C-alpha atoms as a PDB file:
ATOM      1  CA  MET A   1     128.797  50.652 130.877  1.00  0.00           C
ATOM      2  CA  THR A   2     124.914  51.084 130.274  1.00  0.00           C
ATOM      3  CA  ARG A   3     121.630  48.938 130.552  1.00  0.00           C
ATOM      4  CA  ARG A   4     120.770  48.756 126.852  1.00  0.00           C
ATOM      5  CA  VAL A   5     117.194  49.844 126.207  1.00  0.00           C
ATOM      6  CA  CYS A   6     115.982  49.112 122.763  1.00  0.00           C
ATOM      7  CA  GLY A   7     114.827  52.596 121.443  1.00  0.00           C
ATOM      8  CA  ALA A   8     115.040  55.997 123.115  1.00  0.00           C
ATOM      9  CA  TYR A   9     115.932  56.335 126.845  1.00  0.00           C
ATOM     10  CA  SER A  10     113.256  57.451 129.399  1.00  0.00           C
ATOM     11  CA  GLU A  11     113.547  57.187 133.139  1.00  0.00           C
ATOM     12  CA  ALA A  12     110.108  55.506 133.203  1.00  0.00           C
ATOM     13  CA  ALA A  13     110.971  52.875 130.774  1.00  0.00           C
ATOM     14  CA  CYS A  14     114.102  52.196 132.573  1.00  0.00           C
ATOM     15  CA  ARG A  15     112.233  51.879 136.074  1.00  0.00           C
ATOM     16  CA  ARG A  16     110.083  49.523 134.156  1.00  0.00           C
ATOM     17  CA  LEU A  17     112.921  47.237 132.910  1.00  0.00           C
ATOM     18  CA  TYR A  18     113.946  47.088 136.784  1.00  0.00           C
ATOM     19  CA  ARG A  19     110.355  46.304 137.871  1.00  0.00           C
ATOM     20  CA  GLY A  20     110.083  49.677 139.635  1.00  0.00           C
ATOM     21  CA  ALA A  21     113.330  49.508 141.443  1.00  0.00           C
ATOM     22  CA  PRO A  22     115.919  52.536 140.808  1.00  0.00           C
ATOM     23  CA  GLY A  23     118.212  50.135 138.997  1.00  0.00           C
ATOM     24  CA  GLY A  24     119.577  46.635 139.005  1.00  0.00           C
ATOM     25  CA  LEU A  25     122.084  44.665 136.820  1.00  0.00           C
ATOM     26  CA  CYS A  26     123.726  46.012 133.724  1.00  0.00           C
ATOM     27  CA  ASP A  27     123.721  44.198 130.425  1.00  0.00           C
ATOM     28  CA  ASP A  28     127.112  43.153 130.992  1.00  0.00           C
ATOM     29  CA  GLY A  29     125.920  40.924 133.633  1.00  0.00           C
ATOM     30  CA  CYS A  30     128.627  42.414 136.496  1.00  0.00           C
ATOM     31  CA  ASN A  31     127.864  46.182 136.752  1.00  0.00           C
ATOM     32  CA  ARG A  32     125.027  47.903 138.456  1.00  0.00           C
ATOM     33  CA  CYS A  33     122.999  50.468 136.559  1.00  0.00           C
ATOM     34  CA  PHE A  34     120.744  53.042 138.006  1.00  0.00           C
ATOM     35  CA  CYS A  35     117.954  55.001 136.251  1.00  0.00           C
ATOM     36  CA  THR A  36     118.382  58.738 136.464  1.00  0.00           C
ATOM     37  CA  ALA A  37     116.346  61.638 134.672  1.00  0.00           C
ATOM     38  CA  HIS A  38     119.381  62.404 132.495  1.00  0.00           C
ATOM     39  CA  GLY A  39     120.213  58.642 131.678  1.00  0.00           C
ATOM     40  CA  LEU A  40     121.764  55.661 133.150  1.00  0.00           C
ATOM     41  CA  ALA A  41     124.463  55.808 135.607  1.00  0.00           C
ATOM     42  CA  SER A  42     126.564  52.598 136.486  1.00  0.00           C
ATOM     43  CA  THR A  43     129.318  51.262 138.405  1.00  0.00           C
ATOM     44  CA  GLU A  44     132.496  51.085 136.180  1.00  0.00           C
ATOM     45  CA  MET A  45     134.117  47.556 136.979  1.00  0.00           C
ATOM     46  CA  ALA A  46     135.920  46.085 134.212  1.00  0.00           C
ATOM     47  CA  CYS A  47     133.760  43.261 132.642  1.00  0.00           C
ATOM     48  CA  LEU A  48     133.541  41.117 129.661  1.00  0.00           C
ATOM     49  CA  PRO A  49     131.641  42.871 126.888  1.00  0.00           C
ATOM     50  CA  TYR A  50     128.050  41.511 126.035  1.00  0.00           C
ATOM     51  CA  ASP A  51     128.221  38.798 123.284  1.00  0.00           C
ATOM     52  CA  HIS A  52     124.585  37.800 122.075  1.00  0.00           C
ATOM     53  CA  ARG A  53     126.019  34.380 120.816  1.00  0.00           C
ATOM     54  CA  ASP A  54     127.553  33.778 124.105  1.00  0.00           C
ATOM     55  CA  CYS A  55     124.611  34.683 126.076  1.00  0.00           C
ATOM     56  CA  LEU A  56     122.527  32.159 123.923  1.00  0.00           C
ATOM     57  CA  ALA A  57     125.372  29.419 124.406  1.00  0.00           C
ATOM     58  CA  ARG A  58     125.122  29.991 128.332  1.00  0.00           C
ATOM     59  CA  HIS A  59     121.425  30.502 128.897  1.00  0.00           C
ATOM     60  CA  GLY A  60     119.637  29.056 125.585  1.00  0.00           C
ATOM     61  CA  GLU A  61     116.613  30.962 123.975  1.00  0.00           C
ATOM     62  CA  GLY A  62     114.341  30.879 126.843  1.00  0.00           C
ATOM     63  CA  LEU A  63     114.070  32.825 130.213  1.00  0.00           C
ATOM     64  CA  TRP A  64     115.945  32.344 133.310  1.00  0.00           C
ATOM     65  CA  ASP A  65     115.806  33.708 136.863  1.00  0.00           C
ATOM     66  CA  CYS A  66     117.808  36.719 137.502  1.00  0.00           C
ATOM     67  CA  GLU A  67     117.861  39.733 139.653  1.00  0.00           C
ATOM     68  CA  GLY A  68     114.460  38.908 141.251  1.00  0.00           C
ATOM     69  CA  GLY A  69     112.963  38.534 137.790  1.00  0.00           C
ATOM     70  CA  ARG A  70     113.332  36.699 134.529  1.00  0.00           C
ATOM     71  CA  CYS A  71     115.994  37.561 131.728  1.00  0.00           C
ATOM     72  CA  ALA A  72     116.405  36.543 128.126  1.00  0.00           C
ATOM     73  CA  CYS A  73     119.283  37.110 125.579  1.00  0.00           C
ATOM     74  CA  THR A  74     118.278  39.578 123.123  1.00  0.00           C
ATOM     75  CA  GLY A  75     120.110  41.221 120.074  1.00  0.00           C
ATOM     76  CA  CYS A  76     120.442  44.574 122.236  1.00  0.00           C
ATOM     77  CA  GLY A  77     121.627  43.165 125.587  1.00  0.00           C
ATOM     78  CA  VAL A  78     120.076  40.981 128.274  1.00  0.00           C
ATOM     79  CA  GLY A  79     116.529  41.852 128.392  1.00  0.00           C
ATOM     80  CA  PHE A  80     114.408  41.614 131.414  1.00  0.00           C
ATOM     81  CA  GLU A  81     110.790  40.414 131.544  1.00  0.00           C
ATOM     82  CA  ILE A  82     108.460  43.243 132.554  1.00  0.00           C
END
């Protein structure tokens, strides 16, 4: 499981996605992801894969409240408002 970041990974960009926290919800909606200097670390629970169409069907095209912030469905995973 990973937290998808559109583009190259950096720990600083990862922390911005999680609003300065060391991690948060992964793009699968059930695992926890953690920003590290070498990439993302995550819990490894078996979860349903991310599906953009399913996300849009459940949440629509706008933002919704999640993980202490706002989320949106994107083509590369659930996006967090920065």
